[in-house]
């Protein structure tokens, strides 16, 4: 590995993403990205007794299918890095209990997908492991029960609130390419800083996370000496409709070209749902960016329709207790540069 500036690392061995799997929930199946998911649930209980067990099953399904698609055996996977929003990483830990693969639980709130992708790429690029599974999941019902109110309360959500995606996404990172025509490689990554804008409302997650996303993107461009138009697409994780517009304004204030922003930038939380789906300010949750990256982005790169992508998961680092103690909501964002590379 090599350092590029203050926050960015490069991967000289260019780890390959050789397989991926994207799973959405019932509401997600009604949104714009339906055809990019590998599968969608018929109902959010997924045949289980609880929502928490359903989320863990979703993640297990995604991991199992990613391993199968890679052509590798479970015994060839050196490590699994995964996380979710639940206490003690319940969904990931219970999934790992059944997989019997060396496991590292990752937590960056909704930034977990790119955090896992960075650390998995470090393991593969450094030749500590030849094959690593990374992933993340979330579930609307489990997140509501833990962070807000039990669904039975039927409490109203303000327009600024976001809808936690019921979704999961996983990827296999490998030191070896496949025999397919196009490779997707992990080129570099920018590790974000915790940025606190002083926002205290848990119903304004997009606003709380946006400054961290802006900071990470600007540092990535400075470290790599690139402009925004170097990438075909730049995606944040789950700022939603409100956060996306704030992001655009702040990037213009920082001097980035408005045309490049409008043509290349979008947000997974604004892509995964239609505004008329009654999701208020859009999507959020670990599974929001995980499913979009493992579905929409990865598949377009394998087709050669996207050649360079910068993906940034964004996380709100609050706990179930911190808002009641008067704490504001710190934000974090990590960025990963992906490239598709034809073999010929």
C-alpha atoms as a PDB file:
ATOM      1  CA  UNK A   1       0.000   0.000   0.000  1.00  0.00           C
ATOM      2  CA  UNK A   2       1.025   3.592  -0.470  1.00  0.00           C
ATOM      3  CA  UNK A   3      -0.010   6.934   0.964  1.00  0.00           C
ATOM      4  CA  UNK A   4      -1.515   9.632  -1.227  1.00  0.00           C
ATOM      5  CA  UNK A   5      -1.637  12.826   0.781  1.00  0.00           C
ATOM      6  CA  UNK A   6      -3.038  13.011   4.282  1.00  0.00           C
ATOM      7  CA  UNK A   7      -6.017  10.637   4.269  1.00  0.00           C
ATOM      8  CA  UNK A   8      -5.829   8.524   1.122  1.00  0.00           C
ATOM      9  CA  UNK A   9      -4.166   5.154   0.587  1.00  0.00           C
ATOM     10  CA  UNK A  10      -3.526   3.453  -2.741  1.00  0.00           C
ATOM     11  CA  UNK A  11      -3.605  -0.269  -3.428  1.00  0.00           C
ATOM     12  CA  UNK A  12      -0.672  -1.147  -5.735  1.00  0.00           C
ATOM     13  CA  UNK A  13      -1.746  -4.788  -6.037  1.00  0.00           C
ATOM     14  CA  UNK A  14      -5.224  -3.677  -7.130  1.00  0.00           C
ATOM     15  CA  UNK A  15      -7.537  -6.093  -5.262  1.00  0.00           C
ATOM     16  CA  UNK A  16     -10.325  -7.499  -7.437  1.00  0.00           C
ATOM     17  CA  UNK A  17     -14.003  -7.518  -6.556  1.00  0.00           C
ATOM     18  CA  UNK A  18     -14.928 -10.852  -8.095  1.00  0.00           C
ATOM     19  CA  UNK A  19     -18.534 -11.258  -6.973  1.00  0.00           C
ATOM     20  CA  UNK A  20     -21.323  -9.397  -5.219  1.00  0.00           C
ATOM     21  CA  UNK A  21     -24.912  -9.826  -4.101  1.00  0.00           C
ATOM     22  CA  UNK A  22     -27.606  -7.249  -3.439  1.00  0.00           C
ATOM     23  CA  UNK A  23     -30.834  -7.947  -1.550  1.00  0.00           C
ATOM     24  CA  UNK A  24     -33.718  -5.544  -1.001  1.00  0.00           C
ATOM     25  CA  UNK A  25     -36.878  -5.568   1.058  1.00  0.00           C
ATOM     26  CA  UNK A  26     -40.483  -5.288  -0.091  1.00  0.00           C
ATOM     27  CA  UNK A  27     -40.534  -1.479  -0.109  1.00  0.00           C
ATOM     28  CA  UNK A  28     -37.194  -1.397  -1.911  1.00  0.00           C
ATOM     29  CA  UNK A  29     -38.646  -3.680  -4.583  1.00  0.00           C
ATOM     30  CA  UNK A  30     -41.127  -0.909  -5.369  1.00  0.00           C
ATOM     31  CA  UNK A  31     -38.385   1.673  -5.914  1.00  0.00           C
ATOM     32  CA  UNK A  32     -36.238   2.742  -8.903  1.00  0.00           C
ATOM     33  CA  UNK A  33     -33.443   0.223  -8.210  1.00  0.00           C
ATOM     34  CA  UNK A  34     -35.682  -2.873  -8.254  1.00  0.00           C
ATOM     35  CA  UNK A  35     -34.063  -4.378 -11.345  1.00  0.00           C
ATOM     36  CA  UNK A  36     -30.560  -3.939  -9.915  1.00  0.00           C
ATOM     37  CA  UNK A  37     -31.201  -6.069  -6.831  1.00  0.00           C
ATOM     38  CA  UNK A  38     -30.425  -9.768  -7.144  1.00  0.00           C
ATOM     39  CA  UNK A  39     -33.528 -10.536  -5.122  1.00  0.00           C
ATOM     40  CA  UNK A  40     -36.149  -8.844  -2.962  1.00  0.00           C
ATOM     41  CA  UNK A  41     -38.155 -10.046   0.019  1.00  0.00           C
ATOM     42  CA  UNK A  42     -41.864 -10.750  -0.355  1.00  0.00           C
ATOM     43  CA  UNK A  43     -42.383  -9.493   3.200  1.00  0.00           C
ATOM     44  CA  UNK A  44     -40.063  -7.981   5.783  1.00  0.00           C
ATOM     45  CA  UNK A  45     -40.229 -10.895   8.229  1.00  0.00           C
ATOM     46  CA  UNK A  46     -38.488 -13.200   5.671  1.00  0.00           C
ATOM     47  CA  UNK A  47     -39.987 -16.352   7.202  1.00  0.00           C
ATOM     48  CA  UNK A  48     -38.477 -15.684  10.637  1.00  0.00           C
ATOM     49  CA  UNK A  49     -39.998 -15.105  14.082  1.00  0.00           C
ATOM     50  CA  UNK A  50     -38.500 -11.626  14.557  1.00  0.00           C
ATOM     51  CA  UNK A  51     -37.285  -8.727  12.426  1.00  0.00           C
ATOM     52  CA  UNK A  52     -33.791  -9.082  13.897  1.00  0.00           C
ATOM     53  CA  UNK A  53     -33.611 -12.710  12.790  1.00  0.00           C
ATOM     54  CA  UNK A  54     -34.891 -11.669   9.368  1.00  0.00           C
ATOM     55  CA  UNK A  55     -32.090  -9.121   8.970  1.00  0.00           C
ATOM     56  CA  UNK A  56     -29.465 -11.665   9.975  1.00  0.00           C
ATOM     57  CA  UNK A  57     -30.929 -14.126   7.475  1.00  0.00           C
ATOM     58  CA  UNK A  58     -30.760 -11.468   4.760  1.00  0.00           C
ATOM     59  CA  UNK A  59     -27.079 -10.948   5.417  1.00  0.00           C
ATOM     60  CA  UNK A  60     -26.414 -14.685   5.503  1.00  0.00           C
ATOM     61  CA  UNK A  61     -28.179 -15.098   2.170  1.00  0.00           C
ATOM     62  CA  UNK A  62     -26.072 -12.330   0.638  1.00  0.00           C
ATOM     63  CA  UNK A  63     -22.808 -13.779   1.966  1.00  0.00           C
ATOM     64  CA  UNK A  64     -23.673 -17.314   0.866  1.00  0.00           C
ATOM     65  CA  UNK A  65     -24.613 -16.196  -2.640  1.00  0.00           C
ATOM     66  CA  UNK A  66     -21.509 -14.021  -2.958  1.00  0.00           C
ATOM     67  CA  UNK A  67     -19.286 -16.970  -2.063  1.00  0.00           C
ATOM     68  CA  UNK A  68     -21.151 -19.225  -4.491  1.00  0.00           C
ATOM     69  CA  UNK A  69     -20.850 -16.713  -7.327  1.00  0.00           C
ATOM     70  CA  UNK A  70     -17.126 -16.289  -6.707  1.00  0.00           C
ATOM     71  CA  UNK A  71     -16.478 -19.960  -7.449  1.00  0.00           C
ATOM     72  CA  UNK A  72     -14.617 -20.230  -4.140  1.00  0.00           C
ATOM     73  CA  UNK A  73     -15.301 -22.561  -1.261  1.00  0.00           C
ATOM     74  CA  UNK A  74     -15.975 -21.347   2.269  1.00  0.00           C
ATOM     75  CA  UNK A  75     -12.622 -22.792   3.276  1.00  0.00           C
ATOM     76  CA  UNK A  76     -10.919 -20.445   0.798  1.00  0.00           C
ATOM     77  CA  UNK A  77     -12.306 -17.304   2.455  1.00  0.00           C
ATOM     78  CA  UNK A  78      -9.698 -15.972   4.840  1.00  0.00           C
ATOM     79  CA  UNK A  79     -11.850 -13.403   6.607  1.00  0.00           C
ATOM     80  CA  UNK A  80     -15.302 -11.861   6.687  1.00  0.00           C
ATOM     81  CA  UNK A  81     -15.855  -8.192   7.593  1.00  0.00           C
ATOM     82  CA  UNK A  82     -19.416  -7.078   8.176  1.00  0.00           C
ATOM     83  CA  UNK A  83     -21.547  -4.762  10.246  1.00  0.00           C
ATOM     84  CA  UNK A  84     -25.047  -3.436  10.884  1.00  0.00           C
ATOM     85  CA  UNK A  85     -26.872  -0.951  13.115  1.00  0.00           C
ATOM     86  CA  UNK A  86     -27.927  -3.234  15.945  1.00  0.00           C
ATOM     87  CA  UNK A  87     -26.380  -3.469  19.395  1.00  0.00           C
ATOM     88  CA  UNK A  88     -23.370  -5.796  19.471  1.00  0.00           C
ATOM     89  CA  UNK A  89     -23.634  -6.088  15.662  1.00  0.00           C
ATOM     90  CA  UNK A  90     -26.369  -8.644  16.236  1.00  0.00           C
ATOM     91  CA  UNK A  91     -27.214  -9.309  12.590  1.00  0.00           C
ATOM     92  CA  UNK A  92     -23.590  -9.771  11.528  1.00  0.00           C
ATOM     93  CA  UNK A  93     -22.477 -11.698  14.585  1.00  0.00           C
ATOM     94  CA  UNK A  94     -25.364 -14.156  14.439  1.00  0.00           C
ATOM     95  CA  UNK A  95     -24.781 -14.596  10.708  1.00  0.00           C
ATOM     96  CA  UNK A  96     -21.075 -15.265  11.334  1.00  0.00           C
ATOM     97  CA  UNK A  97     -22.002 -17.830  13.975  1.00  0.00           C
ATOM     98  CA  UNK A  98     -23.343 -20.054  11.211  1.00  0.00           C
ATOM     99  CA  UNK A  99     -20.697 -19.385   8.541  1.00  0.00           C
ATOM    100  CA  UNK A 100     -17.606 -20.480  10.476  1.00  0.00           C
ATOM    101  CA  UNK A 101     -15.378 -17.997   8.642  1.00  0.00           C
ATOM    102  CA  UNK A 102     -12.878 -15.830  10.593  1.00  0.00           C
ATOM    103  CA  UNK A 103     -14.896 -12.729  11.410  1.00  0.00           C
ATOM    104  CA  UNK A 104     -14.204  -9.067  12.105  1.00  0.00           C
ATOM    105  CA  UNK A 105     -17.252  -7.042  13.139  1.00  0.00           C
ATOM    106  CA  UNK A 106     -17.216  -3.536  11.645  1.00  0.00           C
ATOM    107  CA  UNK A 107     -19.121  -0.525  12.910  1.00  0.00           C
ATOM    108  CA  UNK A 108     -19.253   2.870  11.275  1.00  0.00           C
ATOM    109  CA  UNK A 109     -23.031   3.292  11.455  1.00  0.00           C
ATOM    110  CA  UNK A 110     -24.240   3.738   7.864  1.00  0.00           C
ATOM    111  CA  UNK A 111     -20.635   4.160   6.662  1.00  0.00           C
ATOM    112  CA  UNK A 112     -19.984   0.488   7.435  1.00  0.00           C
ATOM    113  CA  UNK A 113     -19.995  -0.734   3.810  1.00  0.00           C
ATOM    114  CA  UNK A 114     -17.069   1.378   2.641  1.00  0.00           C
ATOM    115  CA  UNK A 115     -15.295   0.951   5.976  1.00  0.00           C
ATOM    116  CA  UNK A 116     -15.483  -2.822   5.475  1.00  0.00           C
ATOM    117  CA  UNK A 117     -14.436  -2.484   1.834  1.00  0.00           C
ATOM    118  CA  UNK A 118     -11.378  -0.451   2.815  1.00  0.00           C
ATOM    119  CA  UNK A 119     -10.233  -2.867   5.501  1.00  0.00           C
ATOM    120  CA  UNK A 120     -10.956  -5.918   3.355  1.00  0.00           C
ATOM    121  CA  UNK A 121      -8.903  -4.408   0.550  1.00  0.00           C
ATOM    122  CA  UNK A 122      -6.056  -3.741   2.986  1.00  0.00           C
ATOM    123  CA  UNK A 123      -6.015  -7.438   3.939  1.00  0.00           C
ATOM    124  CA  UNK A 124      -5.983  -8.587   0.311  1.00  0.00           C
ATOM    125  CA  UNK A 125      -3.599  -5.945  -1.031  1.00  0.00           C
ATOM    126  CA  UNK A 126      -1.154  -6.709   1.780  1.00  0.00           C
ATOM    127  CA  UNK A 127      -1.401 -10.428   0.978  1.00  0.00           C
ATOM    128  CA  UNK A 128      -2.644 -11.232   4.456  1.00  0.00           C
ATOM    129  CA  UNK A 129      -5.589 -13.032   2.857  1.00  0.00           C
ATOM    130  CA  UNK A 130      -6.353 -14.084  -0.703  1.00  0.00           C
ATOM    131  CA  UNK A 131     -10.146 -13.839  -0.393  1.00  0.00           C
ATOM    132  CA  UNK A 132     -12.199 -11.620   1.913  1.00  0.00           C
ATOM    133  CA  UNK A 133     -15.963 -11.163   2.163  1.00  0.00           C
ATOM    134  CA  UNK A 134     -17.265  -7.704   3.116  1.00  0.00           C
ATOM    135  CA  UNK A 135     -20.818  -6.506   3.657  1.00  0.00           C
ATOM    136  CA  UNK A 136     -23.455  -4.651   5.637  1.00  0.00           C
ATOM    137  CA  UNK A 137     -27.184  -4.803   6.310  1.00  0.00           C
ATOM    138  CA  UNK A 138     -30.057  -2.854   7.841  1.00  0.00           C
ATOM    139  CA  UNK A 139     -33.773  -3.327   8.390  1.00  0.00           C
ATOM    140  CA  UNK A 140     -36.411  -0.646   8.819  1.00  0.00           C
ATOM    141  CA  UNK A 141     -38.199  -2.417  11.650  1.00  0.00           C
ATOM    142  CA  UNK A 142     -35.098  -3.316  13.679  1.00  0.00           C
ATOM    143  CA  UNK A 143     -33.653   0.202  13.402  1.00  0.00           C
ATOM    144  CA  UNK A 144     -36.933   1.879  14.351  1.00  0.00           C
ATOM    145  CA  UNK A 145     -37.285  -0.343  17.400  1.00  0.00           C
ATOM    146  CA  UNK A 146     -33.734   0.395  18.576  1.00  0.00           C
ATOM    147  CA  UNK A 147     -33.230   4.065  17.738  1.00  0.00           C
ATOM    148  CA  UNK A 148     -36.683   5.638  17.673  1.00  0.00           C
ATOM    149  CA  UNK A 149     -40.015   4.161  18.732  1.00  0.00           C
ATOM    150  CA  UNK A 150     -41.593   0.710  18.527  1.00  0.00           C
ATOM    151  CA  UNK A 151     -43.611   0.483  15.331  1.00  0.00           C
ATOM    152  CA  UNK A 152     -46.724  -0.263  17.365  1.00  0.00           C
ATOM    153  CA  UNK A 153     -46.691   3.353  18.583  1.00  0.00           C
ATOM    154  CA  UNK A 154     -47.545   4.567  15.100  1.00  0.00           C
ATOM    155  CA  UNK A 155     -45.738   7.837  15.855  1.00  0.00           C
ATOM    156  CA  UNK A 156     -45.482  10.467  13.143  1.00  0.00           C
ATOM    157  CA  UNK A 157     -42.164  11.176  11.453  1.00  0.00           C
ATOM    158  CA  UNK A 158     -41.237  14.722  10.409  1.00  0.00           C
ATOM    159  CA  UNK A 159     -40.494  15.493   6.720  1.00  0.00           C
ATOM    160  CA  UNK A 160     -36.743  15.619   7.433  1.00  0.00           C
ATOM    161  CA  UNK A 161     -36.687  12.018   8.715  1.00  0.00           C
ATOM    162  CA  UNK A 162     -35.333   9.218   6.537  1.00  0.00           C
ATOM    163  CA  UNK A 163     -36.454   5.643   5.983  1.00  0.00           C
ATOM    164  CA  UNK A 164     -34.003   2.923   7.035  1.00  0.00           C
ATOM    165  CA  UNK A 165     -33.601   0.586   4.075  1.00  0.00           C
ATOM    166  CA  UNK A 166     -34.387  -3.085   4.514  1.00  0.00           C
ATOM    167  CA  UNK A 167     -31.458  -4.301   2.461  1.00  0.00           C
ATOM    168  CA  UNK A 168     -28.090  -6.042   2.434  1.00  0.00           C
ATOM    169  CA  UNK A 169     -25.080  -5.991   0.155  1.00  0.00           C
ATOM    170  CA  UNK A 170     -21.910  -8.081   0.101  1.00  0.00           C
ATOM    171  CA  UNK A 171     -18.774  -8.387  -2.029  1.00  0.00           C
ATOM    172  CA  UNK A 172     -15.880 -10.821  -2.404  1.00  0.00           C
ATOM    173  CA  UNK A 173     -12.459  -9.171  -2.639  1.00  0.00           C
ATOM    174  CA  UNK A 174      -9.730 -11.369  -4.078  1.00  0.00           C
ATOM    175  CA  UNK A 175      -6.065 -11.255  -5.038  1.00  0.00           C
ATOM    176  CA  UNK A 176      -6.929 -13.209  -8.194  1.00  0.00           C
ATOM    177  CA  UNK A 177      -8.942 -12.127 -11.214  1.00  0.00           C
ATOM    178  CA  UNK A 178     -11.723 -14.187 -12.765  1.00  0.00           C
ATOM    179  CA  UNK A 179     -12.008 -15.313 -16.378  1.00  0.00           C
ATOM    180  CA  UNK A 180     -14.617 -12.637 -17.130  1.00  0.00           C
ATOM    181  CA  UNK A 181     -13.996  -9.895 -19.704  1.00  0.00           C
ATOM    182  CA  UNK A 182     -14.009  -6.951 -17.288  1.00  0.00           C
ATOM    183  CA  UNK A 183     -12.353  -6.705 -13.877  1.00  0.00           C
ATOM    184  CA  UNK A 184     -13.530  -4.388 -11.107  1.00  0.00           C
ATOM    185  CA  UNK A 185     -10.592  -3.299  -8.964  1.00  0.00           C
ATOM    186  CA  UNK A 186     -10.190  -1.299  -5.763  1.00  0.00           C
ATOM    187  CA  UNK A 187      -7.814   1.504  -6.746  1.00  0.00           C
ATOM    188  CA  UNK A 188      -7.601   3.723  -3.650  1.00  0.00           C
ATOM    189  CA  UNK A 189      -9.509   4.782  -0.542  1.00  0.00           C
ATOM    190  CA  UNK A 190      -9.864   7.874   1.609  1.00  0.00           C
ATOM    191  CA  UNK A 191     -10.454   7.383   5.323  1.00  0.00           C
ATOM    192  CA  UNK A 192     -12.782  10.031   6.685  1.00  0.00           C
ATOM    193  CA  UNK A 193     -12.598  12.201   9.772  1.00  0.00           C
ATOM    194  CA  UNK A 194     -15.383  12.615  12.317  1.00  0.00           C
ATOM    195  CA  UNK A 195     -17.088  15.938  11.601  1.00  0.00           C
ATOM    196  CA  UNK A 196     -19.728  17.390  13.922  1.00  0.00           C
ATOM    197  CA  UNK A 197     -21.995  20.126  12.576  1.00  0.00           C
ATOM    198  CA  UNK A 198     -23.773  20.487  15.922  1.00  0.00           C
ATOM    199  CA  UNK A 199     -27.083  18.996  14.769  1.00  0.00           C
ATOM    200  CA  UNK A 200     -28.926  17.266  17.602  1.00  0.00           C
ATOM    201  CA  UNK A 201     -32.100  15.971  15.986  1.00  0.00           C
ATOM    202  CA  UNK A 202     -32.090  12.283  15.058  1.00  0.00           C
ATOM    203  CA  UNK A 203     -34.627  13.210  12.405  1.00  0.00           C
ATOM    204  CA  UNK A 204     -32.056  15.263  10.497  1.00  0.00           C
ATOM    205  CA  UNK A 205     -29.499  12.563   9.715  1.00  0.00           C
ATOM    206  CA  UNK A 206     -28.795  13.788   6.192  1.00  0.00           C
ATOM    207  CA  UNK A 207     -27.923  17.262   7.429  1.00  0.00           C
ATOM    208  CA  UNK A 208     -25.739  15.813  10.194  1.00  0.00           C
ATOM    209  CA  UNK A 209     -23.719  13.584   7.843  1.00  0.00           C
ATOM    210  CA  UNK A 210     -23.286  15.952   4.887  1.00  0.00           C
ATOM    211  CA  UNK A 211     -20.317  17.975   6.240  1.00  0.00           C
ATOM    212  CA  UNK A 212     -18.333  14.752   6.721  1.00  0.00           C
ATOM    213  CA  UNK A 213     -19.132  13.662   3.166  1.00  0.00           C
ATOM    214  CA  UNK A 214     -18.014  17.023   1.777  1.00  0.00           C
ATOM    215  CA  UNK A 215     -14.791  16.901   3.804  1.00  0.00           C
ATOM    216  CA  UNK A 216     -13.933  13.359   2.648  1.00  0.00           C
ATOM    217  CA  UNK A 217     -14.655  14.116  -1.002  1.00  0.00           C
ATOM    218  CA  UNK A 218     -12.590  17.315  -1.029  1.00  0.00           C
ATOM    219  CA  UNK A 219      -9.693  15.578   0.710  1.00  0.00           C
ATOM    220  CA  UNK A 220      -9.869  12.675  -1.738  1.00  0.00           C
ATOM    221  CA  UNK A 221      -9.706  15.012  -4.722  1.00  0.00           C
ATOM    222  CA  UNK A 222      -6.815  16.957  -3.163  1.00  0.00           C
ATOM    223  CA  UNK A 223      -4.848  13.837  -2.157  1.00  0.00           C
ATOM    224  CA  UNK A 224      -5.229  12.246  -5.599  1.00  0.00           C
ATOM    225  CA  UNK A 225      -4.869  15.517  -7.549  1.00  0.00           C
ATOM    226  CA  UNK A 226      -8.121  14.783  -9.389  1.00  0.00           C
ATOM    227  CA  UNK A 227     -11.163  16.741 -10.437  1.00  0.00           C
ATOM    228  CA  UNK A 228     -14.722  15.552  -9.980  1.00  0.00           C
ATOM    229  CA  UNK A 229     -14.988  14.778 -13.695  1.00  0.00           C
ATOM    230  CA  UNK A 230     -12.282  12.115 -13.321  1.00  0.00           C
ATOM    231  CA  UNK A 231     -15.124   9.849 -12.157  1.00  0.00           C
ATOM    232  CA  UNK A 232     -18.132   8.689 -14.143  1.00  0.00           C
ATOM    233  CA  UNK A 233     -20.179   8.603 -10.950  1.00  0.00           C
ATOM    234  CA  UNK A 234     -19.736   9.838  -7.372  1.00  0.00           C
ATOM    235  CA  UNK A 235     -22.193   8.456  -4.818  1.00  0.00           C
ATOM    236  CA  UNK A 236     -22.714   9.234  -1.155  1.00  0.00           C
ATOM    237  CA  UNK A 237     -24.386   6.644   1.016  1.00  0.00           C
ATOM    238  CA  UNK A 238     -27.581   7.913   2.529  1.00  0.00           C
ATOM    239  CA  UNK A 239     -27.883  11.657   2.786  1.00  0.00           C
ATOM    240  CA  UNK A 240     -31.350  11.426   1.263  1.00  0.00           C
ATOM    241  CA  UNK A 241     -33.142  14.085  -0.761  1.00  0.00           C
ATOM    242  CA  UNK A 242     -32.424  16.875   1.711  1.00  0.00           C
ATOM    243  CA  UNK A 243     -28.793  15.982   2.343  1.00  0.00           C
ATOM    244  CA  UNK A 244     -28.105  15.552  -1.366  1.00  0.00           C
ATOM    245  CA  UNK A 245     -29.127  19.138  -2.085  1.00  0.00           C
ATOM    246  CA  UNK A 246     -27.068  20.438   0.848  1.00  0.00           C
ATOM    247  CA  UNK A 247     -24.104  18.432  -0.462  1.00  0.00           C
ATOM    248  CA  UNK A 248     -24.429  20.013  -3.906  1.00  0.00           C
ATOM    249  CA  UNK A 249     -24.585  23.515  -2.428  1.00  0.00           C
ATOM    250  CA  UNK A 250     -21.539  22.958  -0.207  1.00  0.00           C
ATOM    251  CA  UNK A 251     -19.500  21.492  -3.052  1.00  0.00           C
ATOM    252  CA  UNK A 252     -20.283  24.530  -5.192  1.00  0.00           C
ATOM    253  CA  UNK A 253     -19.303  26.806  -2.290  1.00  0.00           C
ATOM    254  CA  UNK A 254     -15.989  24.902  -2.161  1.00  0.00           C
ATOM    255  CA  UNK A 255     -15.343  25.771  -5.798  1.00  0.00           C
ATOM    256  CA  UNK A 256     -16.324  22.582  -7.599  1.00  0.00           C
ATOM    257  CA  UNK A 257     -17.906  22.912 -11.025  1.00  0.00           C
ATOM    258  CA  UNK A 258     -21.712  22.909 -10.895  1.00  0.00           C
ATOM    259  CA  UNK A 259     -22.045  21.043 -14.185  1.00  0.00           C
ATOM    260  CA  UNK A 260     -19.724  18.266 -12.988  1.00  0.00           C
ATOM    261  CA  UNK A 261     -21.672  17.998  -9.726  1.00  0.00           C
ATOM    262  CA  UNK A 262     -25.028  17.780 -11.501  1.00  0.00           C
ATOM    263  CA  UNK A 263     -23.780  15.223 -14.043  1.00  0.00           C
ATOM    264  CA  UNK A 264     -21.785  12.943 -11.752  1.00  0.00           C
ATOM    265  CA  UNK A 265     -23.000  13.206  -8.167  1.00  0.00           C
ATOM    266  CA  UNK A 266     -25.964  11.417  -6.599  1.00  0.00           C
ATOM    267  CA  UNK A 267     -26.931   9.806  -3.305  1.00  0.00           C
ATOM    268  CA  UNK A 268     -28.033   6.215  -2.669  1.00  0.00           C
ATOM    269  CA  UNK A 269     -30.707   7.389  -0.244  1.00  0.00           C
ATOM    270  CA  UNK A 270     -32.226   9.491  -3.030  1.00  0.00           C
ATOM    271  CA  UNK A 271     -31.866   6.725  -5.636  1.00  0.00           C
ATOM    272  CA  UNK A 272     -33.345   3.756  -3.786  1.00  0.00           C
ATOM    273  CA  UNK A 273     -36.879   5.186  -3.322  1.00  0.00           C
ATOM    274  CA  UNK A 274     -39.327   7.290  -5.281  1.00  0.00           C
ATOM    275  CA  UNK A 275     -40.429  10.477  -3.485  1.00  0.00           C
ATOM    276  CA  UNK A 276     -44.052   9.293  -3.687  1.00  0.00           C
ATOM    277  CA  UNK A 277     -43.222   6.170  -1.609  1.00  0.00           C
ATOM    278  CA  UNK A 278     -43.775   8.180   1.590  1.00  0.00           C
ATOM    279  CA  UNK A 279     -40.164   7.906   2.738  1.00  0.00           C
ATOM    280  CA  UNK A 280     -39.998  11.618   3.544  1.00  0.00           C
ATOM    281  CA  UNK A 281     -36.331  12.620   3.051  1.00  0.00           C
ATOM    282  CA  UNK A 282     -35.203   9.345   1.433  1.00  0.00           C
ATOM    283  CA  UNK A 283     -33.292   6.247   2.454  1.00  0.00           C
ATOM    284  CA  UNK A 284     -30.701   5.521   5.130  1.00  0.00           C
ATOM    285  CA  UNK A 285     -29.195   2.541   6.955  1.00  0.00           C
ATOM    286  CA  UNK A 286     -26.136   0.364   6.324  1.00  0.00           C
ATOM    287  CA  UNK A 287     -28.018  -1.628   3.715  1.00  0.00           C
ATOM    288  CA  UNK A 288     -28.881   1.464   1.660  1.00  0.00           C
ATOM    289  CA  UNK A 289     -25.388   2.042   0.252  1.00  0.00           C
ATOM    290  CA  UNK A 290     -24.391  -1.634   0.590  1.00  0.00           C
ATOM    291  CA  UNK A 291     -27.190  -2.845  -1.688  1.00  0.00           C
ATOM    292  CA  UNK A 292     -26.729   0.030  -4.152  1.00  0.00           C
ATOM    293  CA  UNK A 293     -22.970  -0.501  -4.435  1.00  0.00           C
ATOM    294  CA  UNK A 294     -23.221  -4.307  -4.672  1.00  0.00           C
ATOM    295  CA  UNK A 295     -26.106  -4.087  -7.131  1.00  0.00           C
ATOM    296  CA  UNK A 296     -26.341  -0.967  -9.277  1.00  0.00           C
ATOM    297  CA  UNK A 297     -22.689   0.165  -9.207  1.00  0.00           C
ATOM    298  CA  UNK A 298     -21.001  -3.226  -9.406  1.00  0.00           C
ATOM    299  CA  UNK A 299     -23.223  -4.511 -12.216  1.00  0.00           C
ATOM    300  CA  UNK A 300     -22.775  -1.358 -14.281  1.00  0.00           C
ATOM    301  CA  UNK A 301     -19.016  -1.608 -13.839  1.00  0.00           C
ATOM    302  CA  UNK A 302     -18.992  -5.264 -14.888  1.00  0.00           C
ATOM    303  CA  UNK A 303     -20.854  -4.227 -18.039  1.00  0.00           C
ATOM    304  CA  UNK A 304     -18.349  -1.481 -18.723  1.00  0.00           C
ATOM    305  CA  UNK A 305     -21.038   1.202 -18.394  1.00  0.00           C
ATOM    306  CA  UNK A 306     -19.191   2.793 -15.460  1.00  0.00           C
ATOM    307  CA  UNK A 307     -15.407   2.880 -15.705  1.00  0.00           C
ATOM    308  CA  UNK A 308     -14.516   4.933 -12.638  1.00  0.00           C
ATOM    309  CA  UNK A 309     -16.683   5.227  -9.541  1.00  0.00           C
ATOM    310  CA  UNK A 310     -16.148   6.943  -6.212  1.00  0.00           C
ATOM    311  CA  UNK A 311     -18.412   5.464  -3.568  1.00  0.00           C
ATOM    312  CA  UNK A 312     -18.810   7.035  -0.128  1.00  0.00           C
ATOM    313  CA  UNK A 313     -20.891   5.557   2.651  1.00  0.00           C
ATOM    314  CA  UNK A 314     -21.918   8.132   5.244  1.00  0.00           C
ATOM    315  CA  UNK A 315     -22.584   7.436   8.907  1.00  0.00           C
ATOM    316  CA  UNK A 316     -24.252   9.214  11.828  1.00  0.00           C
ATOM    317  CA  UNK A 317     -22.336   8.183  14.939  1.00  0.00           C
ATOM    318  CA  UNK A 318     -25.055   8.580  17.552  1.00  0.00           C
ATOM    319  CA  UNK A 319     -26.096   5.934  20.036  1.00  0.00           C
ATOM    320  CA  UNK A 320     -29.457   5.105  21.570  1.00  0.00           C
ATOM    321  CA  UNK A 321     -28.427   7.154  24.623  1.00  0.00           C
ATOM    322  CA  UNK A 322     -26.468  10.130  23.278  1.00  0.00           C
ATOM    323  CA  UNK A 323     -29.450  12.249  22.074  1.00  0.00           C
ATOM    324  CA  UNK A 324     -31.030  12.023  25.530  1.00  0.00           C
ATOM    325  CA  UNK A 325     -27.782  13.328  27.034  1.00  0.00           C
ATOM    326  CA  UNK A 326     -27.906  16.436  24.875  1.00  0.00           C
ATOM    327  CA  UNK A 327     -25.156  15.294  22.523  1.00  0.00           C
ATOM    328  CA  UNK A 328     -24.995  16.376  18.902  1.00  0.00           C
ATOM    329  CA  UNK A 329     -24.605  13.838  16.084  1.00  0.00           C
ATOM    330  CA  UNK A 330     -21.065  13.363  14.732  1.00  0.00           C
ATOM    331  CA  UNK A 331     -20.796  12.292  11.097  1.00  0.00           C
ATOM    332  CA  UNK A 332     -18.267  10.180   9.187  1.00  0.00           C
ATOM    333  CA  UNK A 333     -17.733   9.269   5.537  1.00  0.00           C
ATOM    334  CA  UNK A 334     -15.230   6.952   3.868  1.00  0.00           C
ATOM    335  CA  UNK A 335     -14.548   6.940   0.127  1.00  0.00           C
ATOM    336  CA  UNK A 336     -13.400   4.101  -2.140  1.00  0.00           C
ATOM    337  CA  UNK A 337     -12.263   4.530  -5.740  1.00  0.00           C
ATOM    338  CA  UNK A 338     -13.296   1.635  -7.999  1.00  0.00           C
ATOM    339  CA  UNK A 339     -12.230   1.091 -11.603  1.00  0.00           C
ATOM    340  CA  UNK A 340     -13.438  -1.311 -14.266  1.00  0.00           C
ATOM    341  CA  UNK A 341     -10.670  -2.645 -16.460  1.00  0.00           C
ATOM    342  CA  UNK A 342     -11.188  -4.700 -19.638  1.00  0.00           C
ATOM    343  CA  UNK A 343      -8.767  -7.599 -19.975  1.00  0.00           C
ATOM    344  CA  UNK A 344      -8.095  -6.840 -23.642  1.00  0.00           C
END
